Amino acid sequence: MTATDAKRMPVDPENRTWAPVTDLRNIDPHDRIAFFEARDQHLREQWVEQMTTVIIKEKLQRCTRQEGVNAPENCHHLVEAYMDRLRRGGFKSWRTELQERQKAAAAAVSANE
């Protein structure tokens, strides 16, 4: 790997962390590179949230199967964690985030007039 390849790599191979990117709500809509980077970051964050929920669900199923009649006592912490994830609600797509930002900007412009 050359030095230029290392500069272009978005992920740090040591820590597997991505470089921080400006949020979708705070980018200039005409800056295409910033838009795509923010969109990709949003999609990664949503994917991590979804997979964390799936992992908790799988652990809960395993615990329930393993504990049998004692599952309500011994798997309560997993039930709480899973229900907390479900209470947070659905995941917003990047398009929904962008549309909300555009509506808020239009409302701010009309309020200033």
Protein backbone atom coordinates (compact mmCIF):
# COMPACT_ATOMS: atom_id res chain seq x y z
CA MET A 1 0.00 0.00 0.00
CA THR A 2 1.40 3.39 -0.97
CA ALA A 3 1.12 6.64 0.94
CA THR A 4 -1.56 7.95 -1.42
CA ASP A 5 -3.66 4.82 -0.88
CA ALA A 6 -3.45 5.33 2.88
CA LYS A 7 -4.70 8.90 2.49
CA ARG A 8 -7.70 7.77 0.46
CA MET A 9 -8.70 4.96 2.80
CA PRO A 10 -11.72 6.18 4.80
CA VAL A 11 -11.29 3.62 7.53
CA ASP A 12 -8.44 3.31 10.01
CA PRO A 13 -7.31 -0.34 9.69
CA GLU A 14 -6.18 -0.42 13.33
CA ASN A 15 -9.41 0.70 15.00
CA ARG A 16 -11.96 0.19 12.22
CA THR A 17 -13.34 3.67 12.81
CA TRP A 18 -14.44 6.04 10.09
CA ALA A 19 -13.31 9.63 9.92
CA PRO A 20 -15.94 12.02 11.32
CA VAL A 21 -18.21 13.54 8.72
CA THR A 22 -20.63 16.46 8.92
CA ASP A 23 -24.21 15.39 9.64
CA LEU A 24 -26.78 15.33 6.83
CA ARG A 25 -28.61 18.21 8.50
CA ASN A 26 -25.56 20.48 8.47
CA ILE A 27 -24.12 20.06 4.98
CA ASP A 28 -24.29 22.37 2.02
CA PRO A 29 -26.79 20.76 -0.40
CA HIS A 30 -24.64 21.80 -3.38
CA ASP A 31 -21.51 20.04 -2.08
CA ARG A 32 -21.95 16.60 -3.64
CA ILE A 33 -18.92 14.99 -1.97
CA ALA A 34 -20.01 16.11 1.50
CA PHE A 35 -23.54 14.92 0.75
CA PHE A 36 -22.43 11.42 -0.26
CA GLU A 37 -20.06 11.12 2.69
CA ALA A 38 -22.80 12.20 5.10
CA ARG A 39 -25.27 9.81 3.48
CA ASP A 40 -22.83 6.91 3.73
CA GLN A 41 -22.16 7.70 7.39
CA HIS A 42 -25.90 7.79 8.10
CA LEU A 43 -26.37 4.42 6.39
CA ARG A 44 -23.47 2.89 8.38
CA GLU A 45 -24.91 4.17 11.66
CA GLN A 46 -28.35 2.78 10.84
CA TRP A 47 -26.85 -0.57 9.86
CA VAL A 48 -24.97 -0.80 13.16
CA GLU A 49 -28.16 0.01 15.09
CA GLN A 50 -30.12 -2.63 13.22
CA MET A 51 -27.47 -5.31 13.64
CA THR A 52 -27.16 -4.53 17.36
CA THR A 53 -30.90 -5.07 17.69
CA VAL A 54 -30.62 -8.38 15.82
CA ILE A 55 -27.78 -9.53 18.08
CA ILE A 56 -29.76 -8.69 21.23
CA LYS A 57 -32.75 -10.57 19.82
CA GLU A 58 -30.62 -13.64 19.07
CA LYS A 59 -29.14 -13.56 22.59
CA LEU A 60 -32.64 -13.30 24.03
CA GLN A 61 -33.84 -16.29 22.01
CA ARG A 62 -30.82 -18.33 23.07
CA CYS A 63 -31.28 -17.38 26.72
CA THR A 64 -35.01 -18.20 26.64
CA ARG A 65 -34.36 -21.59 25.07
CA GLN A 66 -31.55 -22.34 27.50
CA GLU A 67 -33.28 -21.20 30.71
CA GLY A 68 -36.71 -22.65 30.00
CA VAL A 69 -39.16 -21.87 32.83
CA ASN A 70 -36.62 -19.59 34.55
CA ALA A 71 -36.29 -17.35 31.52
CA PRO A 72 -38.41 -14.47 32.91
CA GLU A 73 -35.99 -14.14 35.83
CA ASN A 74 -32.68 -14.89 34.15
CA CYS A 75 -33.24 -13.18 30.78
CA HIS A 76 -34.92 -10.03 32.05
CA HIS A 77 -31.94 -7.81 31.21
CA LEU A 78 -32.07 -8.93 27.58
CA VAL A 79 -35.81 -8.34 27.41
CA GLU A 80 -35.31 -4.80 28.69
CA ALA A 81 -32.49 -4.12 26.22
CA TYR A 82 -34.52 -5.48 23.30
CA MET A 83 -37.68 -3.58 24.28
CA ASP A 84 -35.65 -0.39 24.64
CA ARG A 85 -34.40 -0.83 21.09
CA LEU A 86 -37.94 -1.39 19.84
CA ARG A 87 -39.29 1.64 21.72
CA ARG A 88 -36.83 3.90 19.96
CA GLY A 89 -38.91 3.44 16.86
CA GLY A 90 -38.05 2.87 13.27
CA PHE A 91 -35.01 4.05 11.45
CA LYS A 92 -35.11 7.13 9.26
CA SER A 93 -33.76 6.86 5.77
CA TRP A 94 -31.26 9.45 4.60
CA ARG A 95 -33.87 10.84 2.23
CA THR A 96 -36.27 11.46 5.11
CA GLU A 97 -33.50 13.25 7.02
CA LEU A 98 -32.74 15.39 3.98
CA GLN A 99 -36.41 16.24 3.37
CA GLU A 100 -36.87 17.24 7.01
CA ARG A 101 -33.83 19.50 6.77
CA GLN A 102 -35.15 21.14 3.59
CA LYS A 103 -38.56 21.71 5.20
CA ALA A 104 -36.94 23.25 8.27
CA ALA A 105 -34.82 25.54 6.09
CA ALA A 106 -37.88 26.61 4.08
CA ALA A 107 -39.81 27.30 7.29
CA ALA A 108 -36.92 29.40 8.63
CA VAL A 109 -36.81 31.43 5.42
CA SER A 110 -40.57 32.05 5.47
CA ALA A 111 -40.43 33.01 9.17
CA ASN A 112 -37.74 35.61 8.47
CA GLU A 113 -39.79 37.26 5.73
